[in-house]
Amino acid sequence: MKKSPASLAALQRDYQRLRQSLAHIGYISQGSVLDRSKLRPARFGYQWTRKLKGKTVTVALSRPEFEALGHAIANQRKLNQTLRQMEQISRRILFTNRSKAGQRKPLRQKVLGLI
């Protein structure tokens, strides 16, 4: 998988941009939040649900906690997406100058997890 110096530099710029975006991510949390008033039939309150050791744990929340956890969960999802992108770019960069010696067949994008 040969890349031109220009495309390698572009990959490195993309990677650096993603690294810098991690510094501004904010608080993170796993799980999901639910506004129970939007259910049918409507109920009262907010809740946060997550998995803990294979079990579902649910916690009742106040409105400010609901909003804060909602932002933290969105940040967690953004963090996961950014890490996946960084991993793909890393593999592209690492396998750019791979020698043909000892290689039986060329590495496909699917093998590298790029598609």
PDB file of N, CA and C in Angstrom:
ATOM      1  N   MET A   1       0.841  -1.164   0.000  1.00  0.00           N
ATOM      2  CA  MET A   1       0.000   0.000   0.000  1.00  0.00           C
ATOM      3  C   MET A   1       0.890   1.232   0.000  1.00  0.00           C
ATOM      4  N   LYS A   2       1.295   1.677  -1.180  1.00  0.00           N
ATOM      5  CA  LYS A   2       2.164   2.838  -1.338  1.00  0.00           C
ATOM      6  C   LYS A   2       1.323   4.102  -1.382  1.00  0.00           C
ATOM      7  N   LYS A   3       1.783   5.130  -0.720  1.00  0.00           N
ATOM      8  CA  LYS A   3       1.116   6.423  -0.723  1.00  0.00           C
ATOM      9  C   LYS A   3       2.127   7.473  -1.143  1.00  0.00           C
ATOM     10  N   SER A   4       1.659   8.500  -1.829  1.00  0.00           N
ATOM     11  CA  SER A   4       2.537   9.594  -2.203  1.00  0.00           C
ATOM     12  C   SER A   4       2.843  10.419  -0.957  1.00  0.00           C
ATOM     13  N   PRO A   5       3.955  11.151  -0.981  1.00  0.00           N
ATOM     14  CA  PRO A   5       4.286  11.989   0.184  1.00  0.00           C
ATOM     15  C   PRO A   5       3.181  13.002   0.503  1.00  0.00           C
ATOM     16  N   ALA A   6       2.483  13.495  -0.530  1.00  0.00           N
ATOM     17  CA  ALA A   6       1.419  14.474  -0.298  1.00  0.00           C
ATOM     18  C   ALA A   6       0.256  13.831   0.452  1.00  0.00           C
ATOM     19  N   SER A   7      -0.134  12.604   0.058  1.00  0.00           N
ATOM     20  CA  SER A   7      -1.256  11.967   0.745  1.00  0.00           C
ATOM     21  C   SER A   7      -0.852  11.523   2.157  1.00  0.00           C
ATOM     22  N   LEU A   8       0.413  11.152   2.337  1.00  0.00           N
ATOM     23  CA  LEU A   8       0.905  10.804   3.669  1.00  0.00           C
ATOM     24  C   LEU A   8       0.869  12.034   4.575  1.00  0.00           C
ATOM     25  N   ALA A   9       1.263  13.166   4.055  1.00  0.00           N
ATOM     26  CA  ALA A   9       1.209  14.408   4.835  1.00  0.00           C
ATOM     27  C   ALA A   9      -0.232  14.772   5.177  1.00  0.00           C
ATOM     28  N   ALA A  10      -1.148  14.542   4.255  1.00  0.00           N
ATOM     29  CA  ALA A  10      -2.568  14.821   4.517  1.00  0.00           C
ATOM     30  C   ALA A  10      -3.093  13.910   5.621  1.00  0.00           C
ATOM     31  N   LEU A  11      -2.698  12.638   5.593  1.00  0.00           N
ATOM     32  CA  LEU A  11      -3.112  11.713   6.656  1.00  0.00           C
ATOM     33  C   LEU A  11      -2.568  12.169   8.004  1.00  0.00           C
ATOM     34  N   GLN A  12      -1.314  12.603   8.027  1.00  0.00           N
ATOM     35  CA  GLN A  12      -0.710  13.062   9.282  1.00  0.00           C
ATOM     36  C   GLN A  12      -1.397  14.325   9.799  1.00  0.00           C
ATOM     37  N   ARG A  13      -1.814  15.232   8.878  1.00  0.00           N
ATOM     38  CA  ARG A  13      -2.550  16.428   9.290  1.00  0.00           C
ATOM     39  C   ARG A  13      -3.909  16.047   9.878  1.00  0.00           C
ATOM     40  N   ASP A  14      -4.596  15.100   9.222  1.00  0.00           N
ATOM     41  CA  ASP A  14      -5.885  14.640   9.729  1.00  0.00           C
ATOM     42  C   ASP A  14      -5.739  14.038  11.124  1.00  0.00           C
ATOM     43  N   TYR A  15      -4.699  13.241  11.304  1.00  0.00           N
ATOM     44  CA  TYR A  15      -4.458  12.609  12.605  1.00  0.00           C
ATOM     45  C   TYR A  15      -4.203  13.671  13.675  1.00  0.00           C
ATOM     46  N   GLN A  16      -3.400  14.662  13.341  1.00  0.00           N
ATOM     47  CA  GLN A  16      -3.087  15.740  14.293  1.00  0.00           C
ATOM     48  C   GLN A  16      -4.350  16.520  14.655  1.00  0.00           C
ATOM     49  N   ARG A  17      -5.221  16.780  13.672  1.00  0.00           N
ATOM     50  CA  ARG A  17      -6.473  17.483  13.917  1.00  0.00           C
ATOM     51  C   ARG A  17      -7.355  16.692  14.887  1.00  0.00           C
ATOM     52  N   LEU A  18      -7.424  15.383  14.690  1.00  0.00           N
ATOM     53  CA  LEU A  18      -8.210  14.531  15.579  1.00  0.00           C
ATOM     54  C   LEU A  18      -7.633  14.518  16.997  1.00  0.00           C
ATOM     55  N   ARG A  19      -6.303  14.476  17.097  1.00  0.00           N
ATOM     56  CA  ARG A  19      -5.649  14.514  18.412  1.00  0.00           C
ATOM     57  C   ARG A  19      -6.012  15.792  19.162  1.00  0.00           C
ATOM     58  N   GLN A  20      -5.989  16.910  18.443  1.00  0.00           N
ATOM     59  CA  GLN A  20      -6.296  18.187  19.082  1.00  0.00           C
ATOM     60  C   GLN A  20      -7.762  18.259  19.496  1.00  0.00           C
ATOM     61  N   SER A  21      -8.635  17.626  18.740  1.00  0.00           N
ATOM     62  CA  SER A  21     -10.062  17.657  19.088  1.00  0.00           C
ATOM     63  C   SER A  21     -10.334  16.916  20.391  1.00  0.00           C
ATOM     64  N   LEU A  22      -9.484  15.967  20.751  1.00  0.00           N
ATOM     65  CA  LEU A  22      -9.671  15.231  22.000  1.00  0.00           C
ATOM     66  C   LEU A  22      -9.489  16.120  23.233  1.00  0.00           C
ATOM     67  N   ALA A  23      -8.702  17.176  23.088  1.00  0.00           N
ATOM     68  CA  ALA A  23      -8.449  18.066  24.224  1.00  0.00           C
ATOM     69  C   ALA A  23      -9.688  18.867  24.618  1.00  0.00           C
ATOM     70  N   HIS A  24     -10.664  18.947  23.729  1.00  0.00           N
ATOM     71  CA  HIS A  24     -11.853  19.772  23.976  1.00  0.00           C
ATOM     72  C   HIS A  24     -13.107  18.932  24.190  1.00  0.00           C
ATOM     73  N   ILE A  25     -12.952  17.674  24.534  1.00  0.00           N
ATOM     74  CA  ILE A  25     -14.080  16.743  24.562  1.00  0.00           C
ATOM     75  C   ILE A  25     -15.015  16.957  25.757  1.00  0.00           C
ATOM     76  N   GLY A  26     -14.530  17.365  26.900  1.00  0.00           N
ATOM     77  CA  GLY A  26     -15.395  17.556  28.071  1.00  0.00           C
ATOM     78  C   GLY A  26     -15.611  16.261  28.834  1.00  0.00           C
ATOM     79  N   TYR A  27     -16.585  16.265  29.745  1.00  0.00           N
ATOM     80  CA  TYR A  27     -16.878  15.082  30.549  1.00  0.00           C
ATOM     81  C   TYR A  27     -17.460  13.974  29.673  1.00  0.00           C
ATOM     82  N   ILE A  28     -17.198  12.730  30.077  1.00  0.00           N
ATOM     83  CA  ILE A  28     -17.698  11.590  29.314  1.00  0.00           C
ATOM     84  C   ILE A  28     -18.405  10.611  30.246  1.00  0.00           C
ATOM     85  N   SER A  29     -19.367   9.871  29.676  1.00  0.00           N
ATOM     86  CA  SER A  29     -20.065   8.849  30.433  1.00  0.00           C
ATOM     87  C   SER A  29     -20.676   7.848  29.459  1.00  0.00           C
ATOM     88  N   GLN A  30     -20.713   6.590  29.890  1.00  0.00           N
ATOM     89  CA  GLN A  30     -21.375   5.568  29.104  1.00  0.00           C
ATOM     90  C   GLN A  30     -22.840   5.516  29.487  1.00  0.00           C
ATOM     91  N   GLY A  31     -23.629   4.868  28.654  1.00  0.00           N
ATOM     92  CA  GLY A  31     -25.030   4.660  28.959  1.00  0.00           C
ATOM     93  C   GLY A  31     -25.941   5.479  28.086  1.00  0.00           C
ATOM     94  N   SER A  32     -27.180   5.650  28.568  1.00  0.00           N
ATOM     95  CA  SER A  32     -28.161   6.471  27.858  1.00  0.00           C
ATOM     96  C   SER A  32     -29.080   7.110  28.884  1.00  0.00           C
ATOM     97  N   VAL A  33     -29.651   8.248  28.497  1.00  0.00           N
ATOM     98  CA  VAL A  33     -30.593   8.945  29.367  1.00  0.00           C
ATOM     99  C   VAL A  33     -31.960   8.950  28.706  1.00  0.00           C
ATOM    100  N   LEU A  34     -32.999   9.031  29.532  1.00  0.00           N
ATOM    101  CA  LEU A  34     -34.358   8.957  29.035  1.00  0.00           C
ATOM    102  C   LEU A  34     -35.225   9.972  29.765  1.00  0.00           C
ATOM    103  N   ASP A  35     -35.957  10.769  28.976  1.00  0.00           N
ATOM    104  CA  ASP A  35     -36.960  11.670  29.522  1.00  0.00           C
ATOM    105  C   ASP A  35     -38.263  10.881  29.548  1.00  0.00           C
ATOM    106  N   ARG A  36     -38.653  10.441  30.719  1.00  0.00           N
ATOM    107  CA  ARG A  36     -39.799   9.546  30.839  1.00  0.00           C
ATOM    108  C   ARG A  36     -41.129  10.221  30.526  1.00  0.00           C
ATOM    109  N   SER A  37     -41.175  11.546  30.502  1.00  0.00           N
ATOM    110  CA  SER A  37     -42.423  12.241  30.186  1.00  0.00           C
ATOM    111  C   SER A  37     -42.814  12.078  28.720  1.00  0.00           C
ATOM    112  N   LYS A  38     -41.867  11.659  27.892  1.00  0.00           N
ATOM    113  CA  LYS A  38     -42.142  11.481  26.460  1.00  0.00           C
ATOM    114  C   LYS A  38     -42.595  10.061  26.131  1.00  0.00           C
ATOM    115  N   LEU A  39     -42.656   9.206  27.123  1.00  0.00           N
ATOM    116  CA  LEU A  39     -43.137   7.847  26.916  1.00  0.00           C
ATOM    117  C   LEU A  39     -44.656   7.840  26.820  1.00  0.00           C
ATOM    118  N   ARG A  40     -45.200   6.793  26.275  1.00  0.00           N
ATOM    119  CA  ARG A  40     -46.652   6.599  26.234  1.00  0.00           C
ATOM    120  C   ARG A  40     -46.992   5.344  26.989  1.00  0.00           C
ATOM    121  N   PRO A  41     -47.688   5.357  28.074  1.00  0.00           N
ATOM    122  CA  PRO A  41     -48.222   6.544  28.744  1.00  0.00           C
ATOM    123  C   PRO A  41     -47.107   7.333  29.428  1.00  0.00           C
ATOM    124  N   ALA A  42     -47.325   8.634  29.519  1.00  0.00           N
ATOM    125  CA  ALA A  42     -46.320   9.532  30.098  1.00  0.00           C
ATOM    126  C   ALA A  42     -46.085   9.192  31.567  1.00  0.00           C
ATOM    127  N   ARG A  43     -44.831   9.314  31.962  1.00  0.00           N
ATOM    128  CA  ARG A  43     -44.441   9.085  33.355  1.00  0.00           C
ATOM    129  C   ARG A  43     -43.678  10.309  33.837  1.00  0.00           C
ATOM    130  N   PHE A  44     -43.288  10.292  35.082  1.00  0.00           N
ATOM    131  CA  PHE A  44     -42.599  11.426  35.662  1.00  0.00           C
ATOM    132  C   PHE A  44     -41.106  11.141  35.779  1.00  0.00           C
ATOM    133  N   GLY A  45     -40.281  12.134  35.457  1.00  0.00           N
ATOM    134  CA  GLY A  45     -38.859  12.070  35.761  1.00  0.00           C
ATOM    135  C   GLY A  45     -37.956  11.685  34.609  1.00  0.00           C
ATOM    136  N   TYR A  46     -36.695  11.540  34.977  1.00  0.00           N
ATOM    137  CA  TYR A  46     -35.614  11.239  34.037  1.00  0.00           C
ATOM    138  C   TYR A  46     -34.838  10.057  34.588  1.00  0.00           C
ATOM    139  N   GLN A  47     -34.199   9.316  33.683  1.00  0.00           N
ATOM    140  CA  GLN A  47     -33.382   8.203  34.162  1.00  0.00           C
ATOM    141  C   GLN A  47     -32.161   8.006  33.281  1.00  0.00           C
ATOM    142  N   TRP A  48     -31.150   7.430  33.904  1.00  0.00           N
ATOM    143  CA  TRP A  48     -29.886   7.077  33.239  1.00  0.00           C
ATOM    144  C   TRP A  48     -29.742   5.575  33.369  1.00  0.00           C
ATOM    145  N   THR A  49     -29.423   4.930  32.241  1.00  0.00           N
ATOM    146  CA  THR A  49     -29.268   3.484  32.216  1.00  0.00           C
ATOM    147  C   THR A  49     -27.908   3.140  31.634  1.00  0.00           C
ATOM    148  N   ARG A  50     -27.265   2.139  32.225  1.00  0.00           N
ATOM    149  CA  ARG A  50     -25.988   1.641  31.693  1.00  0.00           C
ATOM    150  C   ARG A  50     -25.819   0.196  32.094  1.00  0.00           C
ATOM    151  N   LYS A  51     -24.850  -0.468  31.459  1.00  0.00           N
ATOM    152  CA  LYS A  51     -24.527  -1.853  31.796  1.00  0.00           C
ATOM    153  C   LYS A  51     -23.364  -1.862  32.772  1.00  0.00           C
ATOM    154  N   LEU A  52     -23.484  -2.703  33.792  1.00  0.00           N
ATOM    155  CA  LEU A  52     -22.432  -2.856  34.780  1.00  0.00           C
ATOM    156  C   LEU A  52     -22.303  -4.338  35.084  1.00  0.00           C
ATOM    157  N   LYS A  53     -21.179  -4.926  34.687  1.00  0.00           N
ATOM    158  CA  LYS A  53     -20.925  -6.356  34.877  1.00  0.00           C
ATOM    159  C   LYS A  53     -22.048  -7.215  34.300  1.00  0.00           C
ATOM    160  N   GLY A  54     -22.497  -6.841  33.111  1.00  0.00           N
ATOM    161  CA  GLY A  54     -23.520  -7.620  32.424  1.00  0.00           C
ATOM    162  C   GLY A  54     -24.939  -7.374  32.901  1.00  0.00           C
ATOM    163  N   LYS A  55     -25.113  -6.501  33.853  1.00  0.00           N
ATOM    164  CA  LYS A  55     -26.447  -6.185  34.374  1.00  0.00           C
ATOM    165  C   LYS A  55     -26.794  -4.738  34.020  1.00  0.00           C
ATOM    166  N   THR A  56     -28.065  -4.480  33.793  1.00  0.00           N
ATOM    167  CA  THR A  56     -28.521  -3.127  33.527  1.00  0.00           C
ATOM    168  C   THR A  56     -28.781  -2.409  34.840  1.00  0.00           C
ATOM    169  N   VAL A  57     -28.180  -1.223  34.975  1.00  0.00           N
ATOM    170  CA  VAL A  57     -28.345  -0.400  36.170  1.00  0.00           C
ATOM    171  C   VAL A  57     -29.076   0.871  35.757  1.00  0.00           C
ATOM    172  N   THR A  58     -30.113   1.222  36.472  1.00  0.00           N
ATOM    173  CA  THR A  58     -30.901   2.418  36.181  1.00  0.00           C
ATOM    174  C   THR A  58     -30.892   3.334  37.387  1.00  0.00           C
ATOM    175  N   VAL A  59     -30.707   4.637  37.133  1.00  0.00           N
ATOM    176  CA  VAL A  59     -30.641   5.632  38.197  1.00  0.00           C
ATOM    177  C   VAL A  59     -31.622   6.754  37.868  1.00  0.00           C
ATOM    178  N   ALA A  60     -32.438   7.146  38.848  1.00  0.00           N
ATOM    179  CA  ALA A  60     -33.334   8.287  38.689  1.00  0.00           C
ATOM    180  C   ALA A  60     -32.505   9.577  38.727  1.00  0.00           C
ATOM    181  N   LEU A  61     -32.877  10.542  37.885  1.00  0.00           N
ATOM    182  CA  LEU A  61     -32.113  11.781  37.763  1.00  0.00           C
ATOM    183  C   LEU A  61     -32.994  13.008  37.941  1.00  0.00           C
ATOM    184  N   SER A  62     -32.370  14.101  38.347  1.00  0.00           N
ATOM    185  CA  SER A  62     -33.026  15.407  38.329  1.00  0.00           C
ATOM    186  C   SER A  62     -32.839  15.997  36.928  1.00  0.00           C
ATOM    187  N   ARG A  63     -33.531  17.070  36.633  1.00  0.00           N
ATOM    188  CA  ARG A  63     -33.412  17.704  35.311  1.00  0.00           C
ATOM    189  C   ARG A  63     -31.972  18.137  35.019  1.00  0.00           C
ATOM    190  N   PRO A  64     -31.265  18.840  35.954  1.00  0.00           N
ATOM    191  CA  PRO A  64     -29.876  19.228  35.669  1.00  0.00           C
ATOM    192  C   PRO A  64     -28.957  18.016  35.459  1.00  0.00           C
ATOM    193  N   GLU A  65     -29.160  16.952  36.225  1.00  0.00           N
ATOM    194  CA  GLU A  65     -28.355  15.736  36.044  1.00  0.00           C
ATOM    195  C   GLU A  65     -28.634  15.110  34.674  1.00  0.00           C
ATOM    196  N   PHE A  66     -29.908  15.099  34.289  1.00  0.00           N
ATOM    197  CA  PHE A  66     -30.307  14.566  32.990  1.00  0.00           C
ATOM    198  C   PHE A  66     -29.593  15.301  31.859  1.00  0.00           C
ATOM    199  N   GLU A  67     -29.598  16.614  31.929  1.00  0.00           N
ATOM    200  CA  GLU A  67     -28.958  17.423  30.881  1.00  0.00           C
ATOM    201  C   GLU A  67     -27.443  17.220  30.871  1.00  0.00           C
ATOM    202  N   ALA A  68     -26.826  17.220  32.054  1.00  0.00           N
ATOM    203  CA  ALA A  68     -25.371  17.044  32.139  1.00  0.00           C
ATOM    204  C   ALA A  68     -24.953  15.664  31.634  1.00  0.00           C
ATOM    205  N   LEU A  69     -25.678  14.623  32.042  1.00  0.00           N
ATOM    206  CA  LEU A  69     -25.348  13.277  31.578  1.00  0.00           C
ATOM    207  C   LEU A  69     -25.609  13.119  30.088  1.00  0.00           C
ATOM    208  N   GLY A  70     -26.632  13.791  29.580  1.00  0.00           N
ATOM    209  CA  GLY A  70     -26.896  13.751  28.135  1.00  0.00           C
ATOM    210  C   GLY A  70     -25.708  14.277  27.347  1.00  0.00           C
ATOM    211  N   HIS A  71     -25.125  15.393  27.815  1.00  0.00           N
ATOM    212  CA  HIS A  71     -23.933  15.953  27.157  1.00  0.00           C
ATOM    213  C   HIS A  71     -22.736  15.017  27.299  1.00  0.00           C
ATOM    214  N   ALA A  72     -22.565  14.435  28.482  1.00  0.00           N
ATOM    215  CA  ALA A  72     -21.439  13.527  28.719  1.00  0.00           C
ATOM    216  C   ALA A  72     -21.546  12.281  27.842  1.00  0.00           C
ATOM    217  N   ILE A  73     -22.740  11.764  27.649  1.00  0.00           N
ATOM    218  CA  ILE A  73     -22.934  10.582  26.804  1.00  0.00           C
ATOM    219  C   ILE A  73     -22.672  10.927  25.344  1.00  0.00           C
ATOM    220  N   ALA A  74     -23.106  12.114  24.911  1.00  0.00           N
ATOM    221  CA  ALA A  74     -22.807  12.561  23.543  1.00  0.00           C
ATOM    222  C   ALA A  74     -21.299  12.700  23.349  1.00  0.00           C
ATOM    223  N   ASN A  75     -20.604  13.214  24.369  1.00  0.00           N
ATOM    224  CA  ASN A  75     -19.144  13.328  24.298  1.00  0.00           C
ATOM    225  C   ASN A  75     -18.482  11.959  24.220  1.00  0.00           C
ATOM    226  N   GLN A  76     -18.999  10.984  24.953  1.00  0.00           N
ATOM    227  CA  GLN A  76     -18.462   9.617  24.904  1.00  0.00           C
ATOM    228  C   GLN A  76     -18.590   9.047  23.493  1.00  0.00           C
ATOM    229  N   ARG A  77     -19.726   9.254  22.872  1.00  0.00           N
ATOM    230  CA  ARG A  77     -19.936   8.745  21.509  1.00  0.00           C
ATOM    231  C   ARG A  77     -19.015   9.443  20.518  1.00  0.00           C
ATOM    232  N   LYS A  78     -18.839  10.751  20.695  1.00  0.00           N
ATOM    233  CA  LYS A  78     -17.912  11.499  19.838  1.00  0.00           C
ATOM    234  C   LYS A  78     -16.478  11.000  20.038  1.00  0.00           C
ATOM    235  N   LEU A  79     -16.112  10.739  21.299  1.00  0.00           N
ATOM    236  CA  LEU A  79     -14.787  10.210  21.612  1.00  0.00           C
ATOM    237  C   LEU A  79     -14.556   8.866  20.927  1.00  0.00           C
ATOM    238  N   ASN A  80     -15.537   7.974  21.011  1.00  0.00           N
ATOM    239  CA  ASN A  80     -15.411   6.657  20.368  1.00  0.00           C
ATOM    240  C   ASN A  80     -15.249   6.791  18.854  1.00  0.00           C
ATOM    241  N   GLN A  81     -16.021   7.682  18.248  1.00  0.00           N
ATOM    242  CA  GLN A  81     -15.924   7.891  16.802  1.00  0.00           C
ATOM    243  C   GLN A  81     -14.553   8.459  16.434  1.00  0.00           C
ATOM    244  N   THR A  82     -14.064   9.413  17.210  1.00  0.00           N
ATOM    245  CA  THR A  82     -12.747  10.005  16.949  1.00  0.00           C
ATOM    246  C   THR A  82     -11.650   8.956  17.080  1.00  0.00           C
ATOM    247  N   LEU A  83     -11.730   8.111  18.096  1.00  0.00           N
ATOM    248  CA  LEU A  83     -10.721   7.054  18.276  1.00  0.00           C
ATOM    249  C   LEU A  83     -10.739   6.061  17.115  1.00  0.00           C
ATOM    250  N   ARG A  84     -11.933   5.706  16.614  1.00  0.00           N
ATOM    251  CA  ARG A  84     -12.011   4.813  15.446  1.00  0.00           C
ATOM    252  C   ARG A  84     -11.340   5.444  14.233  1.00  0.00           C
ATOM    253  N   GLN A  85     -11.591   6.743  14.019  1.00  0.00           N
ATOM    254  CA  GLN A  85     -10.961   7.440  12.893  1.00  0.00           C
ATOM    255  C   GLN A  85      -9.447   7.487  13.063  1.00  0.00           C
ATOM    256  N   MET A  86      -8.980   7.758  14.287  1.00  0.00           N
ATOM    257  CA  MET A  86      -7.537   7.805  14.539  1.00  0.00           C
ATOM    258  C   MET A  86      -6.901   6.441  14.303  1.00  0.00           C
ATOM    259  N   GLU A  87      -7.597   5.385  14.693  1.00  0.00           N
ATOM    260  CA  GLU A  87      -7.081   4.037  14.492  1.00  0.00           C
ATOM    261  C   GLU A  87      -6.945   3.728  12.998  1.00  0.00           C
ATOM    262  N   GLN A  88      -7.939   4.086  12.213  1.00  0.00           N
ATOM    263  CA  GLN A  88      -7.877   3.832  10.769  1.00  0.00           C
ATOM    264  C   GLN A  88      -6.746   4.623  10.120  1.00  0.00           C
ATOM    265  N   ILE A  89      -6.613   5.893  10.476  1.00  0.00           N
ATOM    266  CA  ILE A  89      -5.531   6.714   9.919  1.00  0.00           C
ATOM    267  C   ILE A  89      -4.180   6.160  10.347  1.00  0.00           C
ATOM    268  N   SER A  90      -4.075   5.725  11.599  1.00  0.00           N
ATOM    269  CA  SER A  90      -2.814   5.150  12.085  1.00  0.00           C
ATOM    270  C   SER A  90      -2.407   3.946  11.246  1.00  0.00           C
ATOM    271  N   ARG A  91      -3.361   3.063  10.977  1.00  0.00           N
ATOM    272  CA  ARG A  91      -3.033   1.877  10.168  1.00  0.00           C
ATOM    273  C   ARG A  91      -2.625   2.272   8.759  1.00  0.00           C
ATOM    274  N   ARG A  92      -3.290   3.255   8.192  1.00  0.00           N
ATOM    275  CA  ARG A  92      -2.893   3.703   6.848  1.00  0.00           C
ATOM    276  C   ARG A  92      -1.464   4.226   6.854  1.00  0.00           C
ATOM    277  N   ILE A  93      -1.125   5.018   7.862  1.00  0.00           N
ATOM    278  CA  ILE A  93       0.232   5.567   7.949  1.00  0.00           C
ATOM    279  C   ILE A  93       1.238   4.454   8.209  1.00  0.00           C
ATOM    280  N   LEU A  94       0.928   3.559   9.146  1.00  0.00           N
ATOM    281  CA  LEU A  94       1.873   2.496   9.513  1.00  0.00           C
ATOM    282  C   LEU A  94       2.139   1.520   8.370  1.00  0.00           C
ATOM    283  N   PHE A  95       1.133   1.271   7.549  1.00  0.00           N
ATOM    284  CA  PHE A  95       1.309   0.323   6.446  1.00  0.00           C
ATOM    285  C   PHE A  95       1.646   1.001   5.119  1.00  0.00           C
ATOM    286  N   THR A  96       1.950   2.289   5.139  1.00  0.00           N
ATOM    287  CA  THR A  96       2.262   3.017   3.911  1.00  0.00           C
ATOM    288  C   THR A  96       3.531   2.481   3.246  1.00  0.00           C
ATOM    289  N   ASN A  97       4.562   2.301   4.007  1.00  0.00           N
ATOM    290  CA  ASN A  97       5.851   1.891   3.439  1.00  0.00           C
ATOM    291  C   ASN A  97       6.161   0.434   3.720  1.00  0.00           C
ATOM    292  N   ARG A  98       5.150  -0.383   3.752  1.00  0.00           N
ATOM    293  CA  ARG A  98       5.357  -1.802   4.038  1.00  0.00           C
ATOM    294  C   ARG A  98       6.116  -2.453   2.882  1.00  0.00           C
ATOM    295  N   SER A  99       7.167  -3.164   3.216  1.00  0.00           N
ATOM    296  CA  SER A  99       7.965  -3.805   2.171  1.00  0.00           C
ATOM    297  C   SER A  99       7.237  -5.023   1.633  1.00  0.00           C
ATOM    298  N   LYS A 100       7.555  -5.385   0.415  1.00  0.00           N
ATOM    299  CA  LYS A 100       6.931  -6.545  -0.224  1.00  0.00           C
ATOM    300  C   LYS A 100       7.598  -7.849   0.210  1.00  0.00           C
ATOM    301  N   ALA A 101       8.755  -7.782   0.858  1.00  0.00           N
ATOM    302  CA  ALA A 101       9.462  -8.986   1.282  1.00  0.00           C
ATOM    303  C   ALA A 101       8.664  -9.720   2.346  1.00  0.00           C
ATOM    304  N   GLY A 102       8.467 -10.989   2.145  1.00  0.00           N
ATOM    305  CA  GLY A 102       7.767 -11.811   3.106  1.00  0.00           C
ATOM    306  C   GLY A 102       6.265 -11.670   3.065  1.00  0.00           C
ATOM    307  N   GLN A 103       5.778 -10.909   2.122  1.00  0.00           N
ATOM    308  CA  GLN A 103       4.346 -10.690   2.010  1.00  0.00           C
ATOM    309  C   GLN A 103       3.799 -11.550   0.876  1.00  0.00           C
ATOM    310  N   ARG A 104       2.850 -12.411   1.183  1.00  0.00           N
ATOM    311  CA  ARG A 104       2.305 -13.318   0.173  1.00  0.00           C
ATOM    312  C   ARG A 104       1.322 -12.632  -0.747  1.00  0.00           C
ATOM    313  N   LYS A 105       0.453 -11.833  -0.196  1.00  0.00           N
ATOM    314  CA  LYS A 105      -0.529 -11.132  -1.015  1.00  0.00           C
ATOM    315  C   LYS A 105      -0.706  -9.727  -0.451  1.00  0.00           C
ATOM    316  N   PRO A 106      -1.152  -8.800  -1.280  1.00  0.00           N
ATOM    317  CA  PRO A 106      -1.300  -7.427  -0.795  1.00  0.00           C
ATOM    318  C   PRO A 106      -2.409  -7.327   0.250  1.00  0.00           C
ATOM    319  N   LEU A 107      -2.208  -6.435   1.184  1.00  0.00           N
ATOM    320  CA  LEU A 107      -3.218  -6.210   2.214  1.00  0.00           C
ATOM    321  C   LEU A 107      -4.370  -5.409   1.622  1.00  0.00           C
ATOM    322  N   ARG A 108      -5.560  -5.874   1.834  1.00  0.00           N
ATOM    323  CA  ARG A 108      -6.748  -5.205   1.333  1.00  0.00           C
ATOM    324  C   ARG A 108      -7.269  -4.258   2.419  1.00  0.00           C
ATOM    325  N   GLN A 109      -8.070  -3.287   1.998  1.00  0.00           N
ATOM    326  CA  GLN A 109      -8.608  -2.306   2.935  1.00  0.00           C
ATOM    327  C   GLN A 109      -9.466  -2.971   4.011  1.00  0.00           C
ATOM    328  N   LYS A 110     -10.184  -4.028   3.657  1.00  0.00           N
ATOM    329  CA  LYS A 110     -11.025  -4.701   4.635  1.00  0.00           C
ATOM    330  C   LYS A 110     -10.172  -5.343   5.733  1.00  0.00           C
ATOM    331  N   VAL A 111      -9.035  -5.912   5.351  1.00  0.00           N
ATOM    332  CA  VAL A 111      -8.138  -6.553   6.313  1.00  0.00           C
ATOM    333  C   VAL A 111      -7.607  -5.508   7.301  1.00  0.00           C
ATOM    334  N   LEU A 112      -7.318  -4.321   6.794  1.00  0.00           N
ATOM    335  CA  LEU A 112      -6.793  -3.249   7.649  1.00  0.00           C
ATOM    336  C   LEU A 112      -7.895  -2.527   8.431  1.00  0.00           C
ATOM    337  N   GLY A 113      -9.152  -2.905   8.185  1.00  0.00           N
ATOM    338  CA  GLY A 113     -10.260  -2.267   8.897  1.00  0.00           C
ATOM    339  C   GLY A 113     -10.556  -0.875   8.409  1.00  0.00           C
ATOM    340  N   LEU A 114     -10.262  -0.594   7.143  1.00  0.00           N
ATOM    341  CA  LEU A 114     -10.455   0.740   6.596  1.00  0.00           C
ATOM    342  C   LEU A 114     -11.820   0.921   5.953  1.00  0.00           C
ATOM    343  N   ILE A 115     -12.522  -0.194   5.736  1.00  0.00           N
ATOM    344  CA  ILE A 115     -13.881  -0.099   5.194  1.00  0.00           C
ATOM    345  C   ILE A 115     -14.827  -0.911   6.040  1.00  0.00           C
TER     346      ILE A 115
END
